[in-house]
Amino acid sequence: MKQRILTGALALVLFLPFVIYGKLPFTLFVYLLASIALYELLKMKKISLVSFPGLVSLLILWVLLIPNAYVTLVETFSKAEFALLALLLLLTYTVVTKNKFTFDDVGFVVIAIFYLGIGFYFLIETRNSTIQGGLELVFYALLLIWVTDSGAYFVGRAMGKNKLWPEISPNKTIEGAVGGVLFAVVFAWVYHYFTGILNNYLLITLMTIILSIFGQIGDLVESALKRHYHVKDSGNILPGHGGILDRFDSLLFVLPLLHFLLLLFNR
């Protein structure tokens, strides 16, 4: 527990300055996080990052992460065209390797690229958001996930009786999941009161319920992935916490949804 707290505190001290400052340093820091997460994900499938499919996936991940403010750097081709080229190269590689690298491997790599690319891209875009205050939105998402996790843990410990998904995450309960959502809603009301984020209490309540639920789903998705590939943690870069993917699994779901909800409610 002491190691977990110490690692969390050090990670927070490192992460916060980049979030607060934003701009290019934050973008480059997110590139680093996404690259490590890709390494962890490919490692589950026993695909080396320093290999043809690994390097192709890393390159396309970097292309997907390019913020709108810098998208003119690749204006000759769209991101979708780069992704299509990567798909064709990976499929060709199955032939070159005589199916040592299989069609299933191609599917895994492509899904990994989009799973991480979309989630971390919206971390960058949310920080740079002009619809709402970008910094307030990033803190809203980060704190919402933390409060949901904490609420689910404490309510689950105190009242949890019915397992939520025992085959995937045996310690999570339905009561804990509901408690996490309720804690998140209370947090959102307090956050709205002090920051004025979003338009009204009804809107932020609705959005928080949706995001809190999908944040928990994001955590379960990564748990399912780890169980499928028989690994305890995605990595060990954060002692006591696991890997980058372990810490950002919920955020990869929350941030794209937050972006879409903001677009929907600001029309």
C-alpha atoms as a PDB file:
ATOM      1  CA  MET A   1       0.000   0.000   0.000  1.00  0.00           C
ATOM      2  CA  LYS A   2       2.830   2.426   0.864  1.00  0.00           C
ATOM      3  CA  GLN A   3       4.450   1.744  -2.509  1.00  0.00           C
ATOM      4  CA  ARG A   4       1.117   2.311  -4.281  1.00  0.00           C
ATOM      5  CA  ILE A   5       0.578   5.651  -2.521  1.00  0.00           C
ATOM      6  CA  LEU A   6       4.161   6.789  -3.169  1.00  0.00           C
ATOM      7  CA  THR A   7       4.000   5.842  -6.853  1.00  0.00           C
ATOM      8  CA  GLY A   8       0.631   7.567  -7.235  1.00  0.00           C
ATOM      9  CA  ALA A   9       1.944  10.745  -5.624  1.00  0.00           C
ATOM     10  CA  LEU A  10       5.071  10.809  -7.802  1.00  0.00           C
ATOM     11  CA  ALA A  11       3.052  10.151 -10.962  1.00  0.00           C
ATOM     12  CA  LEU A  12       0.678  12.974 -10.026  1.00  0.00           C
ATOM     13  CA  VAL A  13       3.562  15.388  -9.461  1.00  0.00           C
ATOM     14  CA  LEU A  14       4.944  14.473 -12.892  1.00  0.00           C
ATOM     15  CA  PHE A  15       1.611  14.518 -14.736  1.00  0.00           C
ATOM     16  CA  LEU A  16       0.008  17.679 -13.323  1.00  0.00           C
ATOM     17  CA  PRO A  17       2.479  20.257 -14.668  1.00  0.00           C
ATOM     18  CA  PHE A  18       1.977  18.955 -18.205  1.00  0.00           C
ATOM     19  CA  VAL A  19      -1.817  19.044 -17.828  1.00  0.00           C
ATOM     20  CA  ILE A  20      -1.803  22.550 -16.376  1.00  0.00           C
ATOM     21  CA  TYR A  21       0.610  23.999 -18.947  1.00  0.00           C
ATOM     22  CA  GLY A  22      -0.940  22.213 -21.929  1.00  0.00           C
ATOM     23  CA  LYS A  23       0.196  23.122 -25.467  1.00  0.00           C
ATOM     24  CA  LEU A  24       3.044  21.238 -27.167  1.00  0.00           C
ATOM     25  CA  PRO A  25       4.676  19.830 -23.984  1.00  0.00           C
ATOM     26  CA  PHE A  26       1.370  18.213 -22.996  1.00  0.00           C
ATOM     27  CA  THR A  27       0.886  16.839 -26.525  1.00  0.00           C
ATOM     28  CA  LEU A  28       4.373  15.302 -26.520  1.00  0.00           C
ATOM     29  CA  PHE A  29       3.792  13.847 -23.050  1.00  0.00           C
ATOM     30  CA  VAL A  30       0.576  12.202 -24.264  1.00  0.00           C
ATOM     31  CA  TYR A  31       2.500  10.817 -27.254  1.00  0.00           C
ATOM     32  CA  LEU A  32       4.892   9.191 -24.770  1.00  0.00           C
ATOM     33  CA  LEU A  33       2.053   7.733 -22.684  1.00  0.00           C
ATOM     34  CA  ALA A  34       0.268   6.379 -25.763  1.00  0.00           C
ATOM     35  CA  SER A  35       3.481   4.816 -27.088  1.00  0.00           C
ATOM     36  CA  ILE A  36       4.115   3.034 -23.785  1.00  0.00           C
ATOM     37  CA  ALA A  37       0.494   1.842 -23.700  1.00  0.00           C
ATOM     38  CA  LEU A  38       0.890   0.447 -27.237  1.00  0.00           C
ATOM     39  CA  TYR A  39       4.050  -1.383 -26.174  1.00  0.00           C
ATOM     40  CA  GLU A  40       2.135  -2.903 -23.234  1.00  0.00           C
ATOM     41  CA  LEU A  41      -0.794  -3.931 -25.407  1.00  0.00           C
ATOM     42  CA  LEU A  42       1.345  -5.518 -28.116  1.00  0.00           C
ATOM     43  CA  LYS A  43       3.373  -7.330 -25.462  1.00  0.00           C
ATOM     44  CA  MET A  44       0.188  -9.122 -24.313  1.00  0.00           C
ATOM     45  CA  LYS A  45      -0.055 -10.565 -27.829  1.00  0.00           C
ATOM     46  CA  LYS A  46       3.696 -11.292 -27.844  1.00  0.00           C
ATOM     47  CA  ILE A  47       4.297  -8.786 -30.651  1.00  0.00           C
ATOM     48  CA  SER A  48       7.481  -6.787 -30.245  1.00  0.00           C
ATOM     49  CA  LEU A  49       7.271  -3.036 -30.684  1.00  0.00           C
ATOM     50  CA  VAL A  50      10.658  -3.275 -32.427  1.00  0.00           C
ATOM     51  CA  SER A  51       9.314  -5.335 -35.331  1.00  0.00           C
ATOM     52  CA  PHE A  52       7.659  -4.519 -38.648  1.00  0.00           C
ATOM     53  CA  PRO A  53       4.061  -4.674 -37.315  1.00  0.00           C
ATOM     54  CA  GLY A  54       5.152  -2.943 -34.105  1.00  0.00           C
ATOM     55  CA  LEU A  55       6.811  -0.040 -35.895  1.00  0.00           C
ATOM     56  CA  VAL A  56       3.935   0.316 -38.378  1.00  0.00           C
ATOM     57  CA  SER A  57       1.437   0.418 -35.525  1.00  0.00           C
ATOM     58  CA  LEU A  58       3.541   2.987 -33.659  1.00  0.00           C
ATOM     59  CA  LEU A  59       3.783   5.212 -36.740  1.00  0.00           C
ATOM     60  CA  ILE A  60       0.030   5.104 -37.386  1.00  0.00           C
ATOM     61  CA  LEU A  61      -0.684   5.705 -33.700  1.00  0.00           C
ATOM     62  CA  TRP A  62       1.431   8.860 -33.892  1.00  0.00           C
ATOM     63  CA  VAL A  63      -0.489   9.970 -36.992  1.00  0.00           C
ATOM     64  CA  LEU A  64      -3.846   9.431 -35.267  1.00  0.00           C
ATOM     65  CA  LEU A  65      -2.659  11.477 -32.293  1.00  0.00           C
ATOM     66  CA  ILE A  66      -1.856  14.561 -34.366  1.00  0.00           C
ATOM     67  CA  PRO A  67      -4.025  17.369 -32.918  1.00  0.00           C
ATOM     68  CA  ASN A  68      -6.309  19.403 -35.151  1.00  0.00           C
ATOM     69  CA  ALA A  69      -4.010  22.379 -34.653  1.00  0.00           C
ATOM     70  CA  TYR A  70      -1.180  20.517 -36.418  1.00  0.00           C
ATOM     71  CA  VAL A  71      -3.165  18.404 -38.876  1.00  0.00           C
ATOM     72  CA  THR A  72      -1.909  20.511 -41.819  1.00  0.00           C
ATOM     73  CA  LEU A  73       1.411  18.727 -41.394  1.00  0.00           C
ATOM     74  CA  VAL A  74      -0.146  15.689 -43.075  1.00  0.00           C
ATOM     75  CA  GLU A  75      -2.728  17.469 -45.197  1.00  0.00           C
ATOM     76  CA  THR A  76      -1.620  15.619 -48.367  1.00  0.00           C
ATOM     77  CA  PHE A  77      -3.152  12.455 -46.916  1.00  0.00           C
ATOM     78  CA  SER A  78      -5.923  12.038 -44.378  1.00  0.00           C
ATOM     79  CA  LYS A  79      -5.529   9.998 -41.213  1.00  0.00           C
ATOM     80  CA  ALA A  80      -7.916   7.416 -42.665  1.00  0.00           C
ATOM     81  CA  GLU A  81      -5.667   6.995 -45.712  1.00  0.00           C
ATOM     82  CA  PHE A  82      -2.631   6.439 -43.495  1.00  0.00           C
ATOM     83  CA  ALA A  83      -4.613   3.832 -41.544  1.00  0.00           C
ATOM     84  CA  LEU A  84      -5.648   2.101 -44.779  1.00  0.00           C
ATOM     85  CA  LEU A  85      -2.026   1.998 -45.948  1.00  0.00           C
ATOM     86  CA  ALA A  86      -1.013   0.446 -42.613  1.00  0.00           C
ATOM     87  CA  LEU A  87      -3.739  -2.190 -42.967  1.00  0.00           C
ATOM     88  CA  LEU A  88      -2.519  -3.140 -46.443  1.00  0.00           C
ATOM     89  CA  LEU A  89       1.084  -3.348 -45.224  1.00  0.00           C
ATOM     90  CA  LEU A  90       0.122  -5.537 -42.276  1.00  0.00           C
ATOM     91  CA  LEU A  91      -1.934  -7.853 -44.478  1.00  0.00           C
ATOM     92  CA  THR A  92       0.988  -8.108 -46.879  1.00  0.00           C
ATOM     93  CA  TYR A  93       3.213  -9.002 -43.946  1.00  0.00           C
ATOM     94  CA  THR A  94       1.068 -12.092 -43.274  1.00  0.00           C
ATOM     95  CA  VAL A  95       2.095 -13.371 -46.702  1.00  0.00           C
ATOM     96  CA  VAL A  96       5.759 -12.450 -46.308  1.00  0.00           C
ATOM     97  CA  THR A  97       5.946 -14.313 -42.981  1.00  0.00           C
ATOM     98  CA  LYS A  98       3.958 -17.293 -44.332  1.00  0.00           C
ATOM     99  CA  ASN A  99       1.309 -16.778 -41.640  1.00  0.00           C
ATOM    100  CA  LYS A 100       3.701 -16.572 -38.717  1.00  0.00           C
ATOM    101  CA  PHE A 101       2.067 -13.176 -38.397  1.00  0.00           C
ATOM    102  CA  THR A 102      -1.582 -14.042 -38.955  1.00  0.00           C
ATOM    103  CA  PHE A 103      -4.798 -12.352 -39.996  1.00  0.00           C
ATOM    104  CA  ASP A 104      -5.840 -12.454 -36.322  1.00  0.00           C
ATOM    105  CA  ASP A 105      -2.645 -10.607 -35.424  1.00  0.00           C
ATOM    106  CA  VAL A 106      -3.504  -7.930 -37.976  1.00  0.00           C
ATOM    107  CA  GLY A 107      -6.931  -7.527 -36.377  1.00  0.00           C
ATOM    108  CA  PHE A 108      -5.377  -7.186 -32.928  1.00  0.00           C
ATOM    109  CA  VAL A 109      -2.862  -4.573 -34.073  1.00  0.00           C
ATOM    110  CA  VAL A 110      -5.476  -2.502 -35.934  1.00  0.00           C
ATOM    111  CA  ILE A 111      -7.872  -2.531 -32.972  1.00  0.00           C
ATOM    112  CA  ALA A 112      -4.994  -1.645 -30.629  1.00  0.00           C
ATOM    113  CA  ILE A 113      -4.073   1.358 -32.797  1.00  0.00           C
ATOM    114  CA  PHE A 114      -7.603   2.733 -32.846  1.00  0.00           C
ATOM    115  CA  TYR A 115      -8.362   1.885 -29.209  1.00  0.00           C
ATOM    116  CA  LEU A 116      -5.349   3.837 -27.996  1.00  0.00           C
ATOM    117  CA  GLY A 117      -5.229   6.395 -30.797  1.00  0.00           C
ATOM    118  CA  ILE A 118      -8.800   7.597 -30.375  1.00  0.00           C
ATOM    119  CA  GLY A 119      -8.667   7.701 -26.582  1.00  0.00           C
ATOM    120  CA  PHE A 120      -5.344   9.540 -26.272  1.00  0.00           C
ATOM    121  CA  TYR A 121      -6.184  11.819 -29.211  1.00  0.00           C
ATOM    122  CA  PHE A 122      -9.218  13.077 -27.324  1.00  0.00           C
ATOM    123  CA  LEU A 123      -7.071  13.615 -24.232  1.00  0.00           C
ATOM    124  CA  ILE A 124      -5.068  16.077 -26.331  1.00  0.00           C
ATOM    125  CA  GLU A 125      -8.124  17.618 -27.987  1.00  0.00           C
ATOM    126  CA  THR A 126     -10.015  17.973 -24.711  1.00  0.00           C
ATOM    127  CA  ARG A 127      -7.109  19.879 -23.174  1.00  0.00           C
ATOM    128  CA  ASN A 128      -7.090  22.133 -26.252  1.00  0.00           C
ATOM    129  CA  SER A 129     -10.892  22.422 -26.351  1.00  0.00           C
ATOM    130  CA  THR A 130     -12.436  25.739 -27.366  1.00  0.00           C
ATOM    131  CA  ILE A 131     -16.008  24.615 -26.654  1.00  0.00           C
ATOM    132  CA  GLN A 132     -15.400  24.655 -22.904  1.00  0.00           C
ATOM    133  CA  GLY A 133     -12.365  25.368 -20.752  1.00  0.00           C
ATOM    134  CA  GLY A 134      -9.972  22.586 -21.714  1.00  0.00           C
ATOM    135  CA  LEU A 135      -8.163  22.408 -18.398  1.00  0.00           C
ATOM    136  CA  GLU A 136     -11.440  22.264 -16.431  1.00  0.00           C
ATOM    137  CA  LEU A 137     -12.701  19.478 -18.717  1.00  0.00           C
ATOM    138  CA  VAL A 138      -9.571  17.362 -18.295  1.00  0.00           C
ATOM    139  CA  PHE A 139      -9.727  17.736 -14.516  1.00  0.00           C
ATOM    140  CA  TYR A 140     -13.442  16.936 -14.634  1.00  0.00           C
ATOM    141  CA  ALA A 141     -12.741  13.688 -16.514  1.00  0.00           C
ATOM    142  CA  LEU A 142      -9.780  12.692 -14.331  1.00  0.00           C
ATOM    143  CA  LEU A 143     -11.562  13.425 -11.049  1.00  0.00           C
ATOM    144  CA  LEU A 144     -14.795  11.802 -12.241  1.00  0.00           C
ATOM    145  CA  ILE A 145     -12.916   8.558 -12.877  1.00  0.00           C
ATOM    146  CA  TRP A 146     -11.070   8.730  -9.556  1.00  0.00           C
ATOM    147  CA  VAL A 147     -14.264   9.487  -7.593  1.00  0.00           C
ATOM    148  CA  THR A 148     -16.147   6.721  -9.420  1.00  0.00           C
ATOM    149  CA  ASP A 149     -13.407   4.197  -8.601  1.00  0.00           C
ATOM    150  CA  SER A 150     -13.198   5.325  -4.971  1.00  0.00           C
ATOM    151  CA  GLY A 151     -16.963   5.357  -4.531  1.00  0.00           C
ATOM    152  CA  ALA A 152     -17.302   1.922  -6.085  1.00  0.00           C
ATOM    153  CA  TYR A 153     -14.563   0.568  -3.812  1.00  0.00           C
ATOM    154  CA  PHE A 154     -15.974   1.922  -0.543  1.00  0.00           C
ATOM    155  CA  VAL A 155     -19.626   1.160  -1.324  1.00  0.00           C
ATOM    156  CA  GLY A 156     -18.663  -2.282  -2.597  1.00  0.00           C
ATOM    157  CA  ARG A 157     -16.714  -3.025   0.584  1.00  0.00           C
ATOM    158  CA  ALA A 158     -19.557  -1.811   2.812  1.00  0.00           C
ATOM    159  CA  MET A 159     -22.640  -3.047   0.937  1.00  0.00           C
ATOM    160  CA  GLY A 160     -21.554  -5.202  -1.992  1.00  0.00           C
ATOM    161  CA  LYS A 161     -23.303  -8.571  -2.249  1.00  0.00           C
ATOM    162  CA  ASN A 162     -24.070  -9.106  -5.931  1.00  0.00           C
ATOM    163  CA  LYS A 163     -21.102  -9.635  -8.241  1.00  0.00           C
ATOM    164  CA  LEU A 164     -21.017  -7.374 -11.278  1.00  0.00           C
ATOM    165  CA  TRP A 165     -18.946  -9.566 -13.619  1.00  0.00           C
ATOM    166  CA  PRO A 166     -17.184 -12.267 -11.597  1.00  0.00           C
ATOM    167  CA  GLU A 167     -15.597 -13.994 -14.617  1.00  0.00           C
ATOM    168  CA  ILE A 168     -13.767 -10.790 -15.487  1.00  0.00           C
ATOM    169  CA  SER A 169     -13.362  -8.814 -12.251  1.00  0.00           C
ATOM    170  CA  PRO A 170     -14.330 -10.942  -9.238  1.00  0.00           C
ATOM    171  CA  ASN A 171     -14.130  -8.121  -6.672  1.00  0.00           C
ATOM    172  CA  LYS A 172     -16.509  -5.689  -8.369  1.00  0.00           C
ATOM    173  CA  THR A 173     -20.149  -5.620  -7.288  1.00  0.00           C
ATOM    174  CA  ILE A 174     -23.359  -4.134  -8.662  1.00  0.00           C
ATOM    175  CA  GLU A 175     -23.790  -2.132  -5.457  1.00  0.00           C
ATOM    176  CA  GLY A 176     -20.276  -0.766  -5.831  1.00  0.00           C
ATOM    177  CA  ALA A 177     -20.855   0.199  -9.458  1.00  0.00           C
ATOM    178  CA  VAL A 178     -24.049   2.081  -8.567  1.00  0.00           C
ATOM    179  CA  GLY A 179     -22.299   3.706  -5.608  1.00  0.00           C
ATOM    180  CA  GLY A 180     -19.512   4.848  -7.909  1.00  0.00           C
ATOM    181  CA  VAL A 181     -22.010   6.574 -10.191  1.00  0.00           C
ATOM    182  CA  LEU A 182     -23.730   8.293  -7.249  1.00  0.00           C
ATOM    183  CA  PHE A 183     -20.401   9.508  -5.851  1.00  0.00           C
ATOM    184  CA  ALA A 184     -19.511  10.826  -9.305  1.00  0.00           C
ATOM    185  CA  VAL A 185     -22.782  12.767  -9.550  1.00  0.00           C
ATOM    186  CA  VAL A 186     -22.221  14.427  -6.171  1.00  0.00           C
ATOM    187  CA  PHE A 187     -18.674  15.308  -7.217  1.00  0.00           C
ATOM    188  CA  ALA A 188     -19.978  16.785 -10.499  1.00  0.00           C
ATOM    189  CA  TRP A 189     -22.435  19.027  -8.635  1.00  0.00           C
ATOM    190  CA  VAL A 190     -19.646  20.343  -6.416  1.00  0.00           C
ATOM    191  CA  TYR A 191     -17.318  20.765  -9.390  1.00  0.00           C
ATOM    192  CA  HIS A 192     -19.998  22.619 -11.344  1.00  0.00           C
ATOM    193  CA  TYR A 193     -20.655  24.912  -8.379  1.00  0.00           C
ATOM    194  CA  PHE A 194     -17.005  25.987  -8.144  1.00  0.00           C
ATOM    195  CA  THR A 195     -16.077  26.018 -11.855  1.00  0.00           C
ATOM    196  CA  GLY A 196     -19.368  26.695 -13.656  1.00  0.00           C
ATOM    197  CA  ILE A 197     -18.466  23.916 -16.073  1.00  0.00           C
ATOM    198  CA  LEU A 198     -21.231  23.031 -18.580  1.00  0.00           C
ATOM    199  CA  ASN A 199     -24.579  24.781 -18.582  1.00  0.00           C
ATOM    200  CA  ASN A 200     -26.695  23.484 -15.714  1.00  0.00           C
ATOM    201  CA  TYR A 201     -27.062  20.823 -13.045  1.00  0.00           C
ATOM    202  CA  LEU A 202     -29.391  18.644 -15.139  1.00  0.00           C
ATOM    203  CA  LEU A 203     -26.937  18.531 -18.023  1.00  0.00           C
ATOM    204  CA  ILE A 204     -23.882  17.772 -15.924  1.00  0.00           C
ATOM    205  CA  THR A 205     -25.843  15.119 -13.979  1.00  0.00           C
ATOM    206  CA  LEU A 206     -26.876  13.331 -17.178  1.00  0.00           C
ATOM    207  CA  MET A 207     -23.390  13.517 -18.655  1.00  0.00           C
ATOM    208  CA  THR A 208     -21.751  12.370 -15.430  1.00  0.00           C
ATOM    209  CA  ILE A 209     -23.992   9.308 -15.163  1.00  0.00           C
ATOM    210  CA  ILE A 210     -23.148   8.292 -18.732  1.00  0.00           C
ATOM    211  CA  LEU A 211     -19.428   8.929 -18.339  1.00  0.00           C
ATOM    212  CA  SER A 212     -19.213   7.221 -14.942  1.00  0.00           C
ATOM    213  CA  ILE A 213     -20.882   4.090 -16.336  1.00  0.00           C
ATOM    214  CA  PHE A 214     -18.656   3.967 -19.398  1.00  0.00           C
ATOM    215  CA  GLY A 215     -15.568   4.701 -17.315  1.00  0.00           C
ATOM    216  CA  GLN A 216     -16.317   1.515 -15.378  1.00  0.00           C
ATOM    217  CA  ILE A 217     -16.920  -0.341 -18.637  1.00  0.00           C
ATOM    218  CA  GLY A 218     -13.513   0.840 -19.861  1.00  0.00           C
ATOM    219  CA  ASP A 219     -11.924  -0.646 -16.748  1.00  0.00           C
ATOM    220  CA  LEU A 220     -13.783  -3.924 -17.289  1.00  0.00           C
ATOM    221  CA  VAL A 221     -12.738  -4.066 -20.935  1.00  0.00           C
ATOM    222  CA  GLU A 222      -9.083  -3.921 -19.949  1.00  0.00           C
ATOM    223  CA  SER A 223      -9.680  -6.505 -17.224  1.00  0.00           C
ATOM    224  CA  ALA A 224     -11.236  -8.802 -19.832  1.00  0.00           C
ATOM    225  CA  LEU A 225      -8.264  -8.221 -22.116  1.00  0.00           C
ATOM    226  CA  LYS A 226      -5.751  -9.093 -19.397  1.00  0.00           C
ATOM    227  CA  ARG A 227      -7.655 -12.228 -18.408  1.00  0.00           C
ATOM    228  CA  HIS A 228      -7.798 -13.352 -22.035  1.00  0.00           C
ATOM    229  CA  TYR A 229      -4.037 -13.011 -22.364  1.00  0.00           C
ATOM    230  CA  HIS A 230      -3.351 -14.288 -18.825  1.00  0.00           C
ATOM    231  CA  VAL A 231      -1.506 -11.241 -17.497  1.00  0.00           C
ATOM    232  CA  LYS A 232      -1.997  -9.604 -14.112  1.00  0.00           C
ATOM    233  CA  ASP A 233      -1.081  -6.056 -15.157  1.00  0.00           C
ATOM    234  CA  SER A 234      -0.479  -4.417 -18.515  1.00  0.00           C
ATOM    235  CA  GLY A 235       3.006  -3.419 -17.339  1.00  0.00           C
ATOM    236  CA  ASN A 236       5.154  -2.565 -14.344  1.00  0.00           C
ATOM    237  CA  ILE A 237       6.209   1.003 -15.077  1.00  0.00           C
ATOM    238  CA  LEU A 238       4.125   2.196 -12.111  1.00  0.00           C
ATOM    239  CA  PRO A 239       4.951  -0.038  -9.102  1.00  0.00           C
ATOM    240  CA  GLY A 240       1.774  -0.881  -7.212  1.00  0.00           C
ATOM    241  CA  HIS A 241      -0.405   0.392 -10.058  1.00  0.00           C
ATOM    242  CA  GLY A 242       0.683  -1.672 -13.045  1.00  0.00           C
ATOM    243  CA  GLY A 243       1.197  -0.107 -16.444  1.00  0.00           C
ATOM    244  CA  ILE A 244       0.081   2.994 -18.299  1.00  0.00           C
ATOM    245  CA  LEU A 245      -2.852   1.089 -19.797  1.00  0.00           C
ATOM    246  CA  ASP A 246      -3.964   0.052 -16.305  1.00  0.00           C
ATOM    247  CA  ARG A 247      -4.130   3.720 -15.260  1.00  0.00           C
ATOM    248  CA  PHE A 248      -5.742   5.102 -18.424  1.00  0.00           C
ATOM    249  CA  ASP A 249      -8.224   2.344 -19.348  1.00  0.00           C
ATOM    250  CA  SER A 250     -11.252   4.291 -18.075  1.00  0.00           C
ATOM    251  CA  LEU A 251     -10.031   7.560 -19.585  1.00  0.00           C
ATOM    252  CA  LEU A 252      -9.815   5.926 -23.030  1.00  0.00           C
ATOM    253  CA  PHE A 253     -13.591   5.470 -22.880  1.00  0.00           C
ATOM    254  CA  VAL A 254     -14.545   8.649 -21.041  1.00  0.00           C
ATOM    255  CA  LEU A 255     -12.753  11.247 -23.167  1.00  0.00           C
ATOM    256  CA  PRO A 256     -14.166  10.327 -26.609  1.00  0.00           C
ATOM    257  CA  LEU A 257     -17.657  10.137 -25.081  1.00  0.00           C
ATOM    258  CA  LEU A 258     -17.152  13.481 -23.334  1.00  0.00           C
ATOM    259  CA  HIS A 259     -16.227  15.036 -26.675  1.00  0.00           C
ATOM    260  CA  PHE A 260     -19.293  13.606 -28.427  1.00  0.00           C
ATOM    261  CA  LEU A 261     -21.614  14.649 -25.602  1.00  0.00           C
ATOM    262  CA  LEU A 262     -20.227  18.176 -25.642  1.00  0.00           C
ATOM    263  CA  LEU A 263     -20.840  18.392 -29.376  1.00  0.00           C
ATOM    264  CA  LEU A 264     -24.365  17.027 -28.925  1.00  0.00           C
ATOM    265  CA  PHE A 265     -25.379  19.387 -26.118  1.00  0.00           C
ATOM    266  CA  ASN A 266     -23.711  22.465 -27.583  1.00  0.00           C
ATOM    267  CA  ARG A 267     -25.564  22.347 -30.889  1.00  0.00           C
END
